[in-house]
């Protein structure tokens, strides 16, 4: 199983898509999608279509099964059959294409993003934006040279909870925030090597990354790439980045000054990512702590297993995905806003997910028509800062040493091992896009 084990059959993945109603608007935006796996199809393709703002004209994936699954779901919901591609370069040449969703594994993001920028296409980019720091810098250069709208997929920024918590903290109701702690305590599955199916172009799947063993997923057409360090940077980069982005947006934080990490693999031998990890980000003297465990944790308050605590000198705020709570410093009764105890995978939870994504796609479409990034919440710079932060956290863990960040160069002075990992050499015939 992958990180969101709670999204089971019978929930969003199998729910009937909603046929969008008619809208009084200009012509729909022609949208292509690169990557039609679980996330790309059951979330981005679905909600992009249901927003009613886009004509889905082209799909691309290295998996024939994944492509056919996406087409079936789209056409069954009333969408026109799109043109299918197996290579993203061909999709980017699709006649009349205006925007593209990049929902591929992390190691492909940089090359596809830069290629889309060069084509002048507007981009919905999945997070984290890059696998390494130098890729992110190359992507920033491409974005700054292109006149395009870019939305980084941070749906929680479009939840009312985020604005409510921000307003509450800025009102001074919990005083000065002295510490923040975010955590995810959720099991992840194990994966075994398998035979590469003929329906997947696995050489193409690996692309610029190392040619790693194939880890089959229980669902045909998918791989367990999130469990492989050569393709992904683990739970913090894949899931926790959402909560770090929330924290940064609520408290108006940029890049951390330093990052320290400690963790390991104690219960799940054979895993490539730590099964427990503690990270301390220092944002100008404000400690923002992160922790995750994939085993053996049951909180006295189970609904706080996933979420963020903001500790002030007058009280504490806990923010989950569907609600938030205030614990006053004087010990008076807890205050509840929304429902922080909503069960992951419940109808209430999934309805909120849909609302956030529909809002995000609608705002993306408006920004494209306005030819401006002003209304975008998940801006490229936000994605750059949050992605860089979680990459540094992984490098601190793997180098066994604290990282201090030079924001001008993105170097790690004093940590030569981390410095050497800022750029990963690409597998031939691919070329890393960074130019110093």
Foldseek 3Di string as FASTA:
>chain_A
DAQQPLQDPPFLQPDQAAQADDDPDPDAAEEEEEDQPSCCQSPVLRLLRNLVRHQHAEYEALFPVSLVVSQVRQVVNPHDRHHYYHDVVVVLVPPRHAAYEYDAFQQCQLVSLLVNQVSLHAYAYEPLNHLFLLSLVLSVVSVVVGLYAYFYPLLLVLFVQLVVLLVCVVVCQQHDFQEKEFEAEAAGDDWDFDDDDPRGPQVVSCAQFDSDTFTPDPDPRDTRQQQDSRRHAHDCRNPVLSQVLSVCVSVVFFAFQKKAKEFADDPDPPTPYGQWMWMWTHGPNRTYIYIYHNDDDADPPNLRNGFMWGHGNQWIKTDASFWIWIQGPVRPDIDIGGDSNDDPRDPVSVVSSSVSSSVQSVQSSVCRVVSHNVSHPRGSSSSSRSNLRSSQNSLNHVQVHMFGADVVVRAGPPRVSSRVRNDDGTDPPDGRSGDD
